[in-house]
Amino acid sequence: MNRDQHGSAPQGEDEKLLHSMGYAQELSRRMSGFSNFAISFSIICILAGGITAFPAGISAGGGASIGIGWPVGALFASIVAAAMAQIASAYPTAGGLYHWSSILGGKGLGWVTAWINLLGLIFVVASVNFGVYDPFFKTLIAPLLGINPDHLTWTEQTLFLTGITLSQAWLNHLGIKLTTRLTDMSGYLIFAIALLLTVSLLAYAPGPLDFSRLFTFTNFSGADGGTWPKTDSSLMLFLSGLLLTVYTLTGYDASAHTSEETHQAAHNVPKGIIRSVLWSALFGYILICTFVLVLPNMQAGVKAGMGFFDLLLSSLPPALKALLGIGIFLVNYLCGLACLTSTSRMMYAFARDGGLPFSHQLKQVHPVHRTPGLAIWVSAILAIVATLYGDAFTVLSAGSAVFLYISYILPTTAGLFAEGKSWTHKGPFSLGAASKPIALLATIGGAILAFVGVQPPNEKVLYLTIALLLVLLFFWFVLGVRKQFKGPPVGERIQKHQAHIREIENALDKTA
């Protein structure tokens, strides 16, 4: 059997599995197992959420929200990831969560899952790129260019966000090979820069390290510059602090969304999902614990809000600070690129089954680059529009986490009830006897993480979630979408699609 340069199985094996699910191999299958891991690891990016959401953690229960809260949140995220990985191994398709919910719970559940996941992904692109601008560009890069951050207005912000998002779309449009190289590089950079940042902060710490900080619960709610309104409930404060983990350890569905571009997808996609969460949880914990340990003063760190990071870096030599600033800015840009890749593949997959307006156009694949061109550009434009909202980062970051975790637990819950009944086929990665207990824990854990994301002052996310569900129900039942939308091919429809699959692949081969 011939092997490719990554040692993966020939494309024919992956194509055969994809054909058995009723889909043509339209996208270019160039990603190795490491690349599949790297795209999720790049989206999780502990140097993005681990920094921008840090104030949400520390301003809840102080150091205990980090030392104790992060492992608890990471455990929840890992359980959800394990449940998703098992389903991804059985159904390795682009737009995985939508497909899984449809197969395991019916096309209605799949349709709802698709919309919630897609909106969450658009919010992820927007929030990550907003974070690229503020704080990383304004705090770290602008001063290097001689720009006074205080002089930057909403106009400069909008132009910046538009420019970087469109540049990410262009890189994505040029093919998965280029995007893969960049996200592979991002995976290595995140490890290297996180290590350099941790060692640097510890080496230049202004005083002795007090490890008791990591386990000392302090009610910082209502503090100036803090995230959370005043409350006396220790439980709610602890749960609120989990938003740091929720926002950081999310986006690993990217491994599933790029299934049709990954060699040996049934094996490599579940590995990519689980490994990206576990490595991010480990390195992220070391990094944010370091933040707590080297803060000159906990109260000052809470009051500083996002300024805490500049406070941390102030003790470093200028050259080292500049090097770290450039590196952090770059990995956050590549994080946005990976997010846009995931979003566009979800949009393409949903459009392929007729789930979106203008589905015929959005499902088209560029004959040369083998990327979903229009889906990429539409995803980018929608992300830019989302950043125009005044309170962008707060709503976008919390909203992305809530929507994504809701979309994660919907197919997981469906699988819990379908396993052993309508779901009898499992892939190479199987949880065995632990499958149902893990699915149950994932449903509970994911629900808790989503609940955290809608707590005040993020109640706007709750209102948005309710409004979205009402709109979806209105379209499904009142406007008759349930009669028009067929969902992914199943049963006899798969066999009927085989001739059309050959036509699509032959046409792409002729124009390549």
Protein backbone atom coordinates (compact mmCIF):
# COMPACT_ATOMS: atom_id res chain seq x y z
CA MET A 1 0.00 0.00 0.00
CA ASN A 2 1.43 3.39 -0.98
CA ARG A 3 1.86 5.92 1.76
CA ASP A 4 1.94 9.71 1.51
CA GLN A 5 4.67 11.95 2.95
CA HIS A 6 2.99 11.95 6.36
CA GLY A 7 2.75 8.17 6.49
CA SER A 8 -1.03 8.36 6.28
CA ALA A 9 -3.28 5.90 4.53
CA PRO A 10 -4.11 6.61 0.88
CA GLN A 11 -6.88 9.08 0.22
CA GLY A 12 -9.01 6.29 -1.18
CA GLU A 13 -9.73 4.88 2.28
CA ASP A 14 -10.97 8.23 3.59
CA GLU A 15 -12.90 8.88 0.41
CA LYS A 16 -14.60 5.49 0.67
CA LEU A 17 -15.81 6.33 4.18
CA LEU A 18 -16.97 9.77 3.04
CA HIS A 19 -18.82 8.25 0.09
CA SER A 20 -20.56 5.83 2.45
CA MET A 21 -22.01 8.88 4.23
CA GLY A 22 -23.27 10.32 0.94
CA TYR A 23 -20.67 13.03 0.28
CA ALA A 24 -18.10 13.71 -2.44
CA GLN A 25 -14.43 14.41 -1.73
CA GLU A 26 -14.50 18.06 -2.80
CA LEU A 27 -12.05 19.56 -0.31
CA SER A 28 -8.33 18.84 -0.57
CA ARG A 29 -7.23 16.19 1.93
CA ARG A 30 -3.77 17.45 2.91
CA MET A 31 -3.79 17.60 6.72
CA SER A 32 -1.75 15.17 8.81
CA GLY A 33 -2.68 14.05 12.30
CA PHE A 34 -0.47 16.78 13.78
CA SER A 35 -2.07 19.40 11.55
CA ASN A 36 -5.52 18.36 12.72
CA PHE A 37 -4.36 18.71 16.33
CA ALA A 38 -2.61 22.01 15.57
CA ILE A 39 -5.69 23.73 14.15
CA SER A 40 -7.69 23.07 17.34
CA PHE A 41 -4.68 23.87 19.52
CA SER A 42 -4.27 27.14 17.60
CA ILE A 43 -7.91 28.09 18.17
CA ILE A 44 -7.81 27.22 21.87
CA CYS A 45 -4.55 29.24 22.02
CA ILE A 46 -3.72 29.74 25.69
CA LEU A 47 -1.97 32.97 24.69
CA ALA A 48 -5.33 34.33 23.52
CA GLY A 49 -8.11 33.35 25.91
CA GLY A 50 -5.68 32.62 28.73
CA ILE A 51 -4.73 36.30 28.71
CA THR A 52 -7.85 38.16 27.56
CA ALA A 53 -10.20 36.20 29.84
CA PHE A 54 -7.83 36.14 32.83
CA PRO A 55 -9.51 39.16 34.48
CA ALA A 56 -12.83 37.25 34.46
CA GLY A 57 -11.19 34.54 36.54
CA ILE A 58 -9.20 36.55 39.03
CA SER A 59 -11.91 39.15 39.65
CA ALA A 60 -14.30 36.40 40.76
CA GLY A 61 -12.68 34.38 43.51
CA GLY A 62 -9.12 35.66 43.31
CA GLY A 63 -6.30 33.13 43.11
CA ALA A 64 -8.57 30.18 43.92
CA SER A 65 -10.45 30.77 40.67
CA ILE A 66 -7.15 29.99 38.96
CA GLY A 67 -5.51 27.38 41.17
CA ILE A 68 -8.70 25.38 41.76
CA GLY A 69 -11.12 26.73 39.13
CA TRP A 70 -8.99 26.01 36.06
CA PRO A 71 -8.53 22.27 36.81
CA VAL A 72 -12.27 21.93 37.49
CA GLY A 73 -13.20 23.68 34.24
CA ALA A 74 -10.53 21.74 32.34
CA LEU A 75 -11.96 18.46 33.64
CA PHE A 76 -15.42 19.42 32.35
CA ALA A 77 -13.96 20.43 28.96
CA SER A 78 -11.96 17.19 28.70
CA ILE A 79 -15.05 15.06 29.36
CA VAL A 80 -16.99 16.95 26.68
CA ALA A 81 -14.05 16.54 24.28
CA ALA A 82 -13.89 12.76 24.91
CA ALA A 83 -17.61 12.36 24.18
CA MET A 84 -17.29 14.42 20.99
CA ALA A 85 -14.19 12.51 19.90
CA GLN A 86 -16.04 9.19 19.96
CA ILE A 87 -18.80 10.54 17.71
CA ALA A 88 -16.25 12.24 15.43
CA SER A 89 -14.52 8.90 14.91
CA ALA A 90 -17.80 7.36 13.73
CA TYR A 91 -18.81 10.29 11.50
CA PRO A 92 -15.70 12.18 10.27
CA THR A 93 -17.32 14.89 8.14
CA ALA A 94 -16.97 18.65 7.77
CA GLY A 95 -19.56 20.42 9.87
CA GLY A 96 -19.36 17.45 12.20
CA LEU A 97 -21.63 18.60 15.03
CA TYR A 98 -24.50 19.32 12.66
CA HIS A 99 -24.10 15.93 11.02
CA TRP A 100 -23.84 14.10 14.36
CA SER A 101 -26.97 15.72 15.78
CA SER A 102 -28.90 14.94 12.60
CA ILE A 103 -27.88 11.28 12.53
CA LEU A 104 -28.31 10.66 16.25
CA GLY A 105 -31.24 12.95 17.10
CA GLY A 106 -33.03 13.80 13.86
CA LYS A 107 -32.73 16.50 11.23
CA GLY A 108 -34.50 19.10 13.42
CA LEU A 109 -31.90 18.79 16.16
CA GLY A 110 -29.18 18.87 13.50
CA TRP A 111 -30.59 22.06 12.00
CA VAL A 112 -30.68 23.80 15.39
CA THR A 113 -27.20 22.56 16.27
CA ALA A 114 -25.84 23.87 12.98
CA TRP A 115 -27.17 27.39 13.49
CA ILE A 116 -26.01 27.59 17.11
CA ASN A 117 -22.55 26.24 16.25
CA LEU A 118 -22.21 28.52 13.23
CA LEU A 119 -23.14 31.64 15.20
CA GLY A 120 -20.73 30.59 17.96
CA LEU A 121 -17.93 30.17 15.41
CA ILE A 122 -18.59 33.59 13.88
CA PHE A 123 -18.42 35.07 17.37
CA VAL A 124 -15.14 33.23 17.97
CA VAL A 125 -13.52 34.76 14.87
CA ALA A 126 -14.78 38.20 15.88
CA SER A 127 -13.71 37.95 19.53
CA VAL A 128 -10.26 36.55 18.73
CA ASN A 129 -9.56 39.27 16.18
CA PHE A 130 -10.92 41.88 18.56
CA GLY A 131 -8.41 40.54 21.08
CA VAL A 132 -5.66 40.80 18.46
CA TYR A 133 -6.41 44.52 18.35
CA ASP A 134 -7.18 45.15 22.01
CA PRO A 135 -5.14 44.47 24.04
CA PHE A 136 -2.33 42.94 21.97
CA PHE A 137 -1.90 45.49 19.16
CA LYS A 138 -2.68 48.51 21.32
CA THR A 139 -0.62 47.36 24.30
CA LEU A 140 2.31 45.57 22.69
CA ILE A 141 2.72 46.52 19.03
CA ALA A 142 1.48 50.12 18.73
CA PRO A 143 4.16 51.51 21.10
CA LEU A 144 6.86 49.70 19.08
CA LEU A 145 5.59 51.55 15.99
CA GLY A 146 5.57 54.90 17.77
CA ILE A 147 1.76 54.98 17.93
CA ASN A 148 0.08 56.36 21.02
CA PRO A 149 -2.70 53.85 21.85
CA ASP A 150 -4.75 56.62 23.47
CA HIS A 151 -5.07 58.31 20.07
CA LEU A 152 -6.62 55.27 18.38
CA THR A 153 -10.35 55.70 17.75
CA TRP A 154 -13.25 53.46 16.72
CA THR A 155 -12.38 54.18 13.08
CA GLU A 156 -8.82 52.86 13.41
CA GLN A 157 -10.17 49.88 15.33
CA THR A 158 -12.67 49.03 12.60
CA LEU A 159 -10.11 49.44 9.81
CA PHE A 160 -7.65 47.24 11.69
CA LEU A 161 -10.18 44.50 12.36
CA THR A 162 -11.40 44.59 8.77
CA GLY A 163 -7.87 44.38 7.43
CA ILE A 164 -6.71 41.41 9.49
CA THR A 165 -9.96 39.47 9.01
CA LEU A 166 -9.86 39.92 5.22
CA SER A 167 -6.18 38.93 5.17
CA GLN A 168 -7.05 35.73 7.06
CA ALA A 169 -9.80 35.06 4.52
CA TRP A 170 -7.34 35.52 1.65
CA LEU A 171 -4.81 33.10 3.17
CA ASN A 172 -7.61 30.60 3.74
CA HIS A 173 -8.91 31.02 0.20
CA LEU A 174 -5.50 30.08 -1.23
CA GLY A 175 -5.83 26.50 -0.02
CA ILE A 176 -5.64 24.26 3.02
CA LYS A 177 -1.94 23.53 2.33
CA LEU A 178 -0.93 27.12 3.13
CA THR A 179 -3.33 27.38 6.05
CA THR A 180 -2.04 24.09 7.44
CA ARG A 181 1.57 25.24 7.30
CA LEU A 182 0.66 28.40 9.20
CA THR A 183 -1.41 26.65 11.85
CA ASP A 184 1.29 23.97 12.23
CA MET A 185 3.76 26.79 12.87
CA SER A 186 1.29 28.33 15.30
CA GLY A 187 1.19 25.09 17.30
CA TYR A 188 4.95 25.18 17.82
CA LEU A 189 4.94 28.93 18.49
CA ILE A 190 2.31 28.64 21.22
CA PHE A 191 4.43 26.08 23.07
CA ALA A 192 7.63 28.13 22.65
CA ILE A 193 6.21 31.55 23.49
CA ALA A 194 4.17 30.29 26.44
CA LEU A 195 7.34 28.70 27.84
CA LEU A 196 9.41 31.85 27.24
CA LEU A 197 6.73 34.06 28.80
CA THR A 198 6.44 31.80 31.87
CA VAL A 199 10.21 31.59 32.43
CA SER A 200 10.65 35.34 31.86
CA LEU A 201 7.94 36.33 34.32
CA LEU A 202 9.32 33.99 36.97
CA ALA A 203 12.91 35.13 36.39
CA TYR A 204 12.02 38.81 36.73
CA ALA A 205 9.40 38.41 39.47
CA PRO A 206 9.58 41.45 41.79
CA GLY A 207 9.53 39.36 44.97
CA PRO A 208 9.23 35.87 46.49
CA LEU A 209 6.44 33.68 45.14
CA ASP A 210 3.46 33.06 47.41
CA PHE A 211 1.91 29.75 46.30
CA SER A 212 -0.90 30.09 48.84
CA ARG A 213 -2.41 32.68 46.48
CA LEU A 214 -3.47 29.87 44.17
CA PHE A 215 -5.75 28.36 46.78
CA THR A 216 -6.93 31.48 48.64
CA PHE A 217 -10.52 32.43 47.88
CA THR A 218 -11.11 36.19 47.91
CA ASN A 219 -14.36 37.87 46.94
CA PHE A 220 -13.31 40.50 44.42
CA SER A 221 -16.81 40.98 42.97
CA GLY A 222 -17.82 44.60 42.63
CA ALA A 223 -14.19 45.76 42.69
CA ASP A 224 -13.18 48.68 40.48
CA GLY A 225 -12.04 47.27 37.16
CA GLY A 226 -13.40 43.83 38.03
CA THR A 227 -15.68 41.84 35.75
CA TRP A 228 -18.42 40.70 38.11
CA PRO A 229 -21.08 42.69 40.00
CA LYS A 230 -21.10 42.49 43.79
CA THR A 231 -22.39 39.21 45.23
CA ASP A 232 -22.00 37.31 48.51
CA SER A 233 -22.53 33.89 46.94
CA SER A 234 -19.24 31.99 46.99
CA LEU A 235 -20.67 29.28 44.72
CA MET A 236 -21.74 31.76 42.05
CA LEU A 237 -18.40 33.51 42.25
CA PHE A 238 -16.55 30.24 41.78
CA LEU A 239 -18.75 29.31 38.82
CA SER A 240 -18.32 32.81 37.34
CA GLY A 241 -14.56 32.38 37.52
CA LEU A 242 -14.89 29.33 35.26
CA LEU A 243 -15.57 31.70 32.35
CA LEU A 244 -11.79 31.91 31.97
CA THR A 245 -11.63 28.18 31.32
CA VAL A 246 -14.84 28.12 29.26
CA TYR A 247 -13.65 30.79 26.85
CA THR A 248 -10.08 29.47 26.59
CA LEU A 249 -10.74 25.72 26.27
CA THR A 250 -13.19 25.89 23.40
CA GLY A 251 -13.01 25.73 19.61
CA TYR A 252 -11.68 22.17 19.47
CA ASP A 253 -14.56 21.29 17.14
CA ALA A 254 -12.18 22.62 14.45
CA SER A 255 -10.63 19.16 14.30
CA ALA A 256 -14.05 17.79 13.35
CA HIS A 257 -14.81 20.58 10.87
CA THR A 258 -11.60 19.79 8.97
CA SER A 259 -12.28 16.02 8.90
CA GLU A 260 -12.65 15.96 5.13
CA GLU A 261 -9.21 17.58 4.78
CA THR A 262 -7.46 15.19 7.20
CA HIS A 263 -5.75 11.89 6.36
CA GLN A 264 -7.07 8.89 8.32
CA ALA A 265 -9.77 11.15 9.72
CA ALA A 266 -11.53 8.45 11.75
CA HIS A 267 -8.28 7.96 13.71
CA ASN A 268 -6.71 11.43 13.68
CA VAL A 269 -9.72 13.66 14.32
CA PRO A 270 -10.59 12.21 17.76
CA LYS A 271 -6.90 12.36 18.68
CA GLY A 272 -6.78 15.99 17.58
CA ILE A 273 -9.80 16.91 19.70
CA ILE A 274 -8.57 15.25 22.89
CA ARG A 275 -4.88 16.16 22.61
CA SER A 276 -5.59 19.82 21.88
CA VAL A 277 -7.68 20.10 25.06
CA LEU A 278 -5.26 18.18 27.29
CA TRP A 279 -2.11 20.01 26.17
CA SER A 280 -3.86 23.38 26.34
CA ALA A 281 -5.18 22.58 29.81
CA LEU A 282 -1.69 21.67 31.06
CA PHE A 283 0.28 24.55 29.52
CA GLY A 284 -2.54 26.99 30.19
CA TYR A 285 -2.59 26.08 33.88
CA ILE A 286 1.15 26.66 34.24
CA LEU A 287 0.86 30.00 32.44
CA ILE A 288 -2.07 31.49 34.34
CA CYS A 289 -0.75 30.24 37.70
CA THR A 290 2.42 32.16 36.86
CA PHE A 291 0.32 35.29 36.28
CA VAL A 292 -1.16 34.96 39.77
CA LEU A 293 2.21 34.29 41.42
CA VAL A 294 4.09 37.24 39.90
CA LEU A 295 1.39 39.90 40.26
CA PRO A 296 2.85 42.53 42.58
CA ASN A 297 -0.51 42.95 44.26
CA MET A 298 -3.71 40.92 43.77
CA GLN A 299 -6.03 43.86 44.44
CA ALA A 300 -4.13 46.03 41.97
CA GLY A 301 -4.28 43.24 39.40
CA VAL A 302 -8.06 43.04 39.70
CA LYS A 303 -8.49 46.81 39.44
CA ALA A 304 -6.23 46.93 36.39
CA GLY A 305 -8.63 44.76 34.34
CA MET A 306 -7.00 44.02 30.99
CA GLY A 307 -4.18 46.29 32.07
CA PHE A 308 -2.96 43.46 34.32
CA PHE A 309 -0.89 42.08 31.44
CA ASP A 310 0.99 45.33 30.89
CA LEU A 311 1.51 45.38 34.66
CA LEU A 312 3.11 41.93 34.45
CA LEU A 313 5.35 42.79 31.52
CA SER A 314 6.54 46.07 33.07
CA SER A 315 9.27 44.24 34.99
CA LEU A 316 10.79 42.71 31.83
CA PRO A 317 13.66 44.26 29.83
CA PRO A 318 12.34 46.27 26.82
CA ALA A 319 13.91 43.95 24.22
CA LEU A 320 12.40 40.84 25.83
CA LYS A 321 9.03 42.57 26.19
CA ALA A 322 9.12 43.51 22.49
CA LEU A 323 10.02 39.94 21.45
CA LEU A 324 7.19 38.48 23.51
CA GLY A 325 4.79 41.13 22.23
CA ILE A 326 5.50 40.32 18.60
CA GLY A 327 5.22 36.57 19.25
CA ILE A 328 1.93 36.86 21.14
CA PHE A 329 0.51 39.14 18.46
CA LEU A 330 1.46 36.63 15.74
CA VAL A 331 -0.05 33.56 17.44
CA ASN A 332 -3.27 35.47 18.09
CA TYR A 333 -3.44 36.41 14.40
CA LEU A 334 -2.95 32.74 13.46
CA CYS A 335 -5.58 31.80 16.03
CA GLY A 336 -8.03 33.98 14.10
CA LEU A 337 -6.96 32.28 10.86
CA ALA A 338 -7.68 28.85 12.34
CA CYS A 339 -11.06 30.07 13.64
CA LEU A 340 -12.04 31.31 10.19
CA THR A 341 -11.04 27.96 8.68
CA SER A 342 -13.33 26.13 11.10
CA THR A 343 -16.22 28.56 10.53
CA SER A 344 -16.07 28.36 6.75
CA ARG A 345 -16.03 24.54 6.76
CA MET A 346 -19.10 24.49 8.99
CA MET A 347 -20.86 26.93 6.66
CA TYR A 348 -19.87 24.87 3.62
CA ALA A 349 -21.09 21.60 5.14
CA PHE A 350 -24.43 23.04 6.24
CA ALA A 351 -24.96 24.67 2.84
CA ARG A 352 -24.11 21.37 1.12
CA ASP A 353 -27.30 19.94 2.63
CA GLY A 354 -29.37 23.03 1.82
CA GLY A 355 -29.50 24.40 5.37
CA LEU A 356 -28.59 28.03 4.59
CA PRO A 357 -29.94 30.82 2.40
CA PHE A 358 -28.02 30.83 -0.90
CA SER A 359 -26.87 27.28 -0.15
CA HIS A 360 -26.11 26.57 -3.81
CA GLN A 361 -23.53 29.37 -3.85
CA LEU A 362 -22.11 28.76 -0.37
CA LYS A 363 -21.41 25.07 -1.03
CA GLN A 364 -19.28 25.77 -4.10
CA VAL A 365 -15.64 24.68 -3.91
CA HIS A 366 -12.88 26.50 -5.80
CA PRO A 367 -11.72 24.10 -8.54
CA VAL A 368 -8.03 24.95 -8.12
CA HIS A 369 -7.58 25.71 -4.42
CA ARG A 370 -10.25 23.17 -3.37
CA THR A 371 -11.52 25.49 -0.65
CA PRO A 372 -15.11 26.70 -0.04
CA GLY A 373 -14.34 30.16 -1.40
CA LEU A 374 -17.62 32.02 -0.91
CA ALA A 375 -18.18 30.44 2.52
CA ILE A 376 -14.78 31.76 3.60
CA TRP A 377 -15.51 35.35 2.52
CA VAL A 378 -19.05 35.38 3.91
CA SER A 379 -17.74 34.06 7.26
CA ALA A 380 -15.14 36.83 7.31
CA ILE A 381 -17.68 39.56 6.52
CA LEU A 382 -20.09 38.35 9.20
CA ALA A 383 -17.23 38.32 11.75
CA ILE A 384 -16.32 41.90 10.82
CA VAL A 385 -19.93 43.00 11.25
CA ALA A 386 -20.03 41.37 14.70
CA THR A 387 -17.06 43.48 15.86
CA LEU A 388 -18.94 46.73 15.12
CA TYR A 389 -21.00 46.29 18.27
CA GLY A 390 -19.89 48.71 20.98
CA ASP A 391 -19.37 46.22 23.82
CA ALA A 392 -17.86 43.75 21.39
CA PHE A 393 -15.31 41.68 23.28
CA THR A 394 -17.38 41.04 26.40
CA VAL A 395 -20.46 39.87 24.52
CA LEU A 396 -18.57 38.08 21.75
CA SER A 397 -16.28 36.11 24.06
CA ALA A 398 -19.06 34.99 26.41
CA GLY A 399 -21.45 34.39 23.49
CA SER A 400 -18.98 32.28 21.56
CA ALA A 401 -18.32 30.05 24.58
CA VAL A 402 -22.03 29.62 25.36
CA PHE A 403 -23.10 28.88 21.80
CA LEU A 404 -20.24 26.48 21.17
CA TYR A 405 -20.80 24.49 24.36
CA ILE A 406 -24.53 24.27 23.66
CA SER A 407 -23.72 22.93 20.20
CA TYR A 408 -21.25 20.47 21.78
CA ILE A 409 -23.71 18.95 24.22
CA LEU A 410 -26.64 18.63 21.78
CA PRO A 411 -25.12 15.77 19.71
CA THR A 412 -23.54 14.33 22.87
CA THR A 413 -26.93 14.12 24.56
CA ALA A 414 -28.49 12.70 21.40
CA GLY A 415 -25.77 10.06 21.33
CA LEU A 416 -26.49 9.17 24.96
CA PHE A 417 -30.06 8.18 24.03
CA ALA A 418 -29.26 6.75 20.59
CA GLU A 419 -26.37 4.50 21.60
CA GLY A 420 -27.26 0.84 21.30
CA LYS A 421 -30.50 1.72 19.50
CA SER A 422 -30.25 3.76 16.30
CA TRP A 423 -26.51 4.28 16.85
CA THR A 424 -24.73 0.96 16.60
CA HIS A 425 -21.77 1.97 14.41
CA LYS A 426 -18.67 3.31 16.14
CA GLY A 427 -15.34 4.32 14.70
CA PRO A 428 -11.81 3.27 15.69
CA PHE A 429 -11.95 5.51 18.78
CA SER A 430 -14.48 4.10 21.23
CA LEU A 431 -15.03 4.78 24.93
CA GLY A 432 -16.44 1.29 25.41
CA ALA A 433 -18.36 0.75 28.64
CA ALA A 434 -17.53 4.31 29.74
CA SER A 435 -19.37 5.78 26.75
CA LYS A 436 -22.74 6.50 28.35
CA PRO A 437 -21.38 7.69 31.72
CA ILE A 438 -19.00 10.08 29.93
CA ALA A 439 -21.82 11.33 27.68
CA LEU A 440 -23.97 11.99 30.76
CA LEU A 441 -21.14 13.81 32.54
CA ALA A 442 -20.37 15.76 29.35
CA THR A 443 -23.99 16.89 29.12
CA ILE A 444 -24.00 18.04 32.75
CA GLY A 445 -20.53 19.61 32.53
CA GLY A 446 -21.24 21.35 29.24
CA ALA A 447 -24.51 22.71 30.61
CA ILE A 448 -22.70 24.11 33.67
CA LEU A 449 -20.07 25.78 31.46
CA ALA A 450 -22.81 27.30 29.25
CA PHE A 451 -24.67 28.46 32.38
CA VAL A 452 -21.52 30.26 33.56
CA GLY A 453 -21.36 32.22 30.33
CA VAL A 454 -24.79 33.88 30.77
CA GLN A 455 -24.28 35.18 34.30
CA PRO A 456 -24.37 38.97 34.89
CA PRO A 457 -22.87 41.09 33.44
CA ASN A 458 -23.23 38.71 30.44
CA GLU A 459 -27.02 38.47 30.65
CA LYS A 460 -27.12 39.88 27.11
CA VAL A 461 -25.85 36.49 25.97
CA LEU A 462 -28.81 34.82 27.70
CA TYR A 463 -31.24 37.16 25.94
CA LEU A 464 -29.48 36.51 22.63
CA THR A 465 -29.63 32.74 23.18
CA ILE A 466 -33.36 32.82 23.95
CA ALA A 467 -34.03 35.08 20.96
CA LEU A 468 -32.04 32.78 18.67
CA LEU A 469 -33.94 29.69 19.82
CA LEU A 470 -37.30 31.43 19.36
CA VAL A 471 -36.34 32.54 15.84
CA LEU A 472 -35.18 29.01 14.96
CA LEU A 473 -38.41 27.49 16.27
CA PHE A 474 -40.43 30.05 14.29
CA PHE A 475 -38.61 29.22 11.05
CA TRP A 476 -38.78 25.47 11.68
CA PHE A 477 -42.46 25.16 12.53
CA VAL A 478 -44.21 28.31 11.26
CA LEU A 479 -42.33 28.99 8.04
CA GLY A 480 -42.14 25.30 7.16
CA VAL A 481 -38.38 24.74 7.12
CA ARG A 482 -39.01 21.28 8.61
CA LYS A 483 -40.78 20.29 5.39
CA GLN A 484 -38.14 21.74 3.06
CA PHE A 485 -34.91 20.79 4.83
CA LYS A 486 -33.87 17.19 4.23
CA GLY A 487 -30.73 17.10 6.35
CA PRO A 488 -27.71 14.91 5.61
CA PRO A 489 -28.27 11.90 3.36
CA VAL A 490 -29.32 8.73 5.14
CA GLY A 491 -30.55 5.30 4.07
CA GLU A 492 -31.55 5.07 0.42
CA ARG A 493 -30.58 8.70 -0.21
CA ILE A 494 -26.93 7.76 0.29
CA GLN A 495 -27.11 5.17 -2.47
CA LYS A 496 -28.91 7.57 -4.79
CA HIS A 497 -26.16 10.14 -4.24
CA GLN A 498 -23.34 7.87 -5.43
CA ALA A 499 -23.70 8.73 -9.13
CA HIS A 500 -23.83 12.44 -8.30
CA ILE A 501 -20.74 12.05 -6.10
CA ARG A 502 -18.78 10.69 -9.07
CA GLU A 503 -19.97 13.58 -11.23
CA ILE A 504 -18.80 16.15 -8.69
CA GLU A 505 -15.37 14.57 -8.22
CA ASN A 506 -14.84 14.05 -11.96
CA ALA A 507 -15.72 17.68 -12.65
CA LEU A 508 -13.24 18.90 -10.00
CA ASP A 509 -10.50 16.60 -11.33
CA LYS A 510 -10.94 18.01 -14.86
CA THR A 511 -10.64 21.63 -13.73
CA ALA A 512 -7.81 21.06 -11.23
